[in-house]
Amino acid sequence: MDLSNLQPAAGSAKNKGKRVGRGQGSGKGGTATRGHKGAKSRSGYSKKIGFEGGQMPIQRRVPKFGFTNINRKEYKGINIDTLQQLVDDKKINDTVDFEALVGLGLAGKSEMVKILGRGEIKAKLKVSAHKFTASAKEAIEAAGGEVVTL
C-alpha cells in the first residue's frame, strides 16, 4: 500500500456533486445550470421574505384595519375565587400584596394586577392591587376584608 492506491473505506464516500461552471467540456458550463438571465441566475441572489414573484403581496393586498390606542394599560386579571383557593391551600393567610402574587406566579413583576369578581370569597383578606372591579371590591369588603389600591 502506498499513496498511489489510497482510497476511502467502502460506503463512506458519497457520490460527488455536479461540478458546475467548469467550462464547456464538463457539460455544465456556460450558464452553470442556472438557466438564462433573471435574478435567480445572478450571484448573491436572495428572495425577500413574502416575495410573491412580482404579484401584489398579501400584506399589501389586505387593508389596514382597526385602531390601536397607544395609551392602553394592560392588566393581569385575578378572580376572587382564585384568592379563596390560595387561602384553602394555605399559600396565603391574611394579606395579599403584589409581591405575594408575583411569588406565587399569578403575575409578572412588570405587570399590573386587577382583581375580578368571579366566584365567592369567605376569608377575611387585606388585598393590595392596581385595580378592582366593583363586584370584587364589594365581595372582599362583605367578607370583612380590606381593599388597597396601589
Protein backbone atom coordinates (compact mmCIF):
# COMPACT_ATOMS: atom_id res chain seq x y z
CA MET A 1 0.00 0.00 0.00
CA ASP A 2 1.30 3.44 -0.93
CA LEU A 3 0.00 6.91 -1.79
CA SER A 4 -0.91 5.88 -5.33
CA ASN A 5 -3.60 3.39 -4.29
CA LEU A 6 -5.21 5.03 -1.22
CA GLN A 7 -8.99 5.09 -1.31
CA PRO A 8 -11.76 5.74 1.24
CA ALA A 9 -13.41 2.90 3.14
CA ALA A 10 -16.21 1.20 1.26
CA GLY A 11 -19.52 3.07 1.63
CA SER A 12 -18.01 6.13 3.30
CA ALA A 13 -17.64 8.35 0.21
CA LYS A 14 -20.86 9.65 -1.29
CA ASN A 15 -21.17 10.49 -4.98
CA LYS A 16 -19.57 13.78 -5.87
CA GLY A 17 -21.93 16.68 -6.60
CA LYS A 18 -22.08 18.20 -10.08
CA ARG A 19 -19.10 20.45 -10.81
CA VAL A 20 -20.82 23.43 -12.37
CA GLY A 21 -19.18 26.38 -14.08
CA ARG A 22 -16.00 24.49 -15.00
CA GLY A 23 -16.03 25.05 -18.73
CA GLN A 24 -17.89 23.75 -21.76
CA GLY A 25 -16.23 20.33 -21.72
CA SER A 26 -17.87 19.50 -18.37
CA GLY A 27 -21.36 19.66 -19.84
CA LYS A 28 -22.30 22.12 -17.08
CA GLY A 29 -20.51 25.19 -18.41
CA GLY A 30 -21.99 28.41 -19.77
CA THR A 31 -24.93 29.15 -17.52
CA ALA A 32 -23.84 26.63 -14.84
CA THR A 33 -27.33 25.06 -14.72
CA ARG A 34 -28.93 28.38 -13.71
CA GLY A 35 -30.87 28.97 -16.93
CA HIS A 36 -30.67 32.24 -18.86
CA LYS A 37 -30.78 35.74 -17.35
CA GLY A 38 -33.06 36.86 -14.49
CA ALA A 39 -32.37 37.48 -10.81
CA LYS A 40 -32.01 33.77 -9.98
CA SER A 41 -29.11 33.41 -12.41
CA ARG A 42 -27.05 36.09 -10.67
CA SER A 43 -24.64 35.55 -7.80
CA GLY A 44 -25.78 36.98 -4.47
CA TYR A 45 -29.49 36.48 -5.25
CA SER A 46 -31.75 36.04 -2.27
CA LYS A 47 -35.53 36.34 -2.38
CA LYS A 48 -37.13 38.79 0.06
CA ILE A 49 -39.42 37.31 2.73
CA GLY A 50 -43.01 37.46 1.49
CA PHE A 51 -41.98 37.98 -2.17
CA GLU A 52 -44.64 36.52 -4.46
CA GLY A 53 -42.92 36.72 -7.82
CA GLY A 54 -43.98 40.29 -8.52
CA GLN A 55 -47.65 39.69 -7.69
CA MET A 56 -49.01 42.21 -5.17
CA PRO A 57 -48.00 40.66 -1.79
CA ILE A 58 -50.69 39.72 0.71
CA GLN A 59 -49.57 42.29 3.29
CA ARG A 60 -50.27 44.99 0.70
CA ARG A 61 -53.48 43.44 -0.69
CA VAL A 62 -55.19 43.22 2.71
CA PRO A 63 -56.33 46.62 4.02
CA LYS A 64 -55.29 48.09 7.35
CA PHE A 65 -57.99 47.58 9.95
CA GLY A 66 -58.98 48.94 13.34
CA PHE A 67 -57.33 51.24 15.82
CA THR A 68 -54.60 50.71 18.41
CA ASN A 69 -54.67 53.00 21.43
CA ILE A 70 -51.04 53.78 22.29
CA ASN A 71 -52.02 54.71 25.87
CA ARG A 72 -53.77 51.39 26.64
CA LYS A 73 -52.93 49.82 30.00
CA GLU A 74 -52.98 46.03 30.19
CA TYR A 75 -53.98 44.40 33.49
CA LYS A 76 -53.48 40.80 34.57
CA GLY A 77 -56.87 39.62 35.83
CA ILE A 78 -57.10 37.54 39.02
CA ASN A 79 -60.50 36.38 40.24
CA ILE A 80 -61.53 36.27 43.90
CA ASP A 81 -62.25 32.53 43.65
CA THR A 82 -58.52 32.12 42.89
CA LEU A 83 -57.70 34.05 46.07
CA GLN A 84 -60.08 31.81 48.06
CA GLN A 85 -58.40 28.72 46.56
CA LEU A 86 -54.99 30.03 47.70
CA VAL A 87 -56.37 30.52 51.23
CA ASP A 88 -57.78 26.96 51.19
CA ASP A 89 -54.38 25.63 50.05
CA LYS A 90 -52.73 27.64 52.88
CA LYS A 91 -50.50 29.53 50.41
CA ILE A 92 -51.71 32.90 51.75
CA ASN A 93 -53.20 33.74 55.15
CA ASP A 94 -54.39 37.32 55.78
CA THR A 95 -52.68 39.71 53.34
CA VAL A 96 -52.40 39.50 49.57
CA ASP A 97 -49.95 42.05 48.19
CA PHE A 98 -48.32 42.39 44.78
CA GLU A 99 -45.10 40.64 45.88
CA ALA A 100 -47.11 37.62 47.08
CA LEU A 101 -48.92 37.37 43.73
CA VAL A 102 -45.60 37.57 41.84
CA GLY A 103 -44.09 34.98 44.17
CA LEU A 104 -47.00 32.58 43.52
CA GLY A 105 -46.59 33.05 39.74
CA LEU A 106 -50.01 34.67 39.25
CA ALA A 107 -48.48 37.87 37.84
CA GLY A 108 -45.22 39.04 36.37
CA LYS A 109 -43.19 41.66 38.22
CA SER A 110 -43.72 44.20 35.42
CA GLU A 111 -47.49 43.54 35.08
CA MET A 112 -50.35 45.44 36.68
CA VAL A 113 -52.96 43.39 38.55
CA LYS A 114 -56.74 43.78 38.52
CA ILE A 115 -58.88 41.79 40.95
CA LEU A 116 -62.04 40.46 39.25
CA GLY A 117 -65.31 39.42 40.86
CA ARG A 118 -65.90 35.83 39.71
CA GLY A 119 -66.67 33.36 42.48
CA GLU A 120 -67.07 33.74 46.24
CA ILE A 121 -64.64 34.66 48.97
CA LYS A 122 -65.14 33.64 52.61
CA ALA A 123 -61.74 34.55 54.03
CA LYS A 124 -61.02 37.93 55.60
CA LEU A 125 -58.19 39.30 53.44
CA LYS A 126 -56.33 42.58 53.03
CA VAL A 127 -55.90 42.72 49.25
CA SER A 128 -53.49 45.15 47.50
CA ALA A 129 -53.71 45.52 43.71
CA HIS A 130 -53.63 48.14 40.98
CA LYS A 131 -57.37 47.93 40.20
CA PHE A 132 -60.54 46.24 41.45
CA THR A 133 -63.88 45.65 39.79
CA ALA A 134 -66.88 46.94 41.75
CA SER A 135 -68.17 43.39 42.38
CA ALA A 136 -64.76 42.19 43.63
CA LYS A 137 -64.41 45.17 45.98
CA GLU A 138 -67.92 44.57 47.31
CA ALA A 139 -67.30 40.83 47.86
CA ILE A 140 -63.96 41.35 49.67
CA GLU A 141 -65.45 44.00 51.98
CA ALA A 142 -68.55 41.87 52.59
CA ALA A 143 -66.28 39.06 53.81
CA GLY A 144 -64.72 41.53 56.29
CA GLY A 145 -61.61 42.17 54.23
CA GLU A 146 -59.88 45.37 53.16
CA VAL A 147 -59.13 46.74 49.68
CA VAL A 148 -55.94 48.73 48.98
CA THR A 149 -55.41 50.31 45.55
CA LEU A 150 -51.73 50.62 44.62
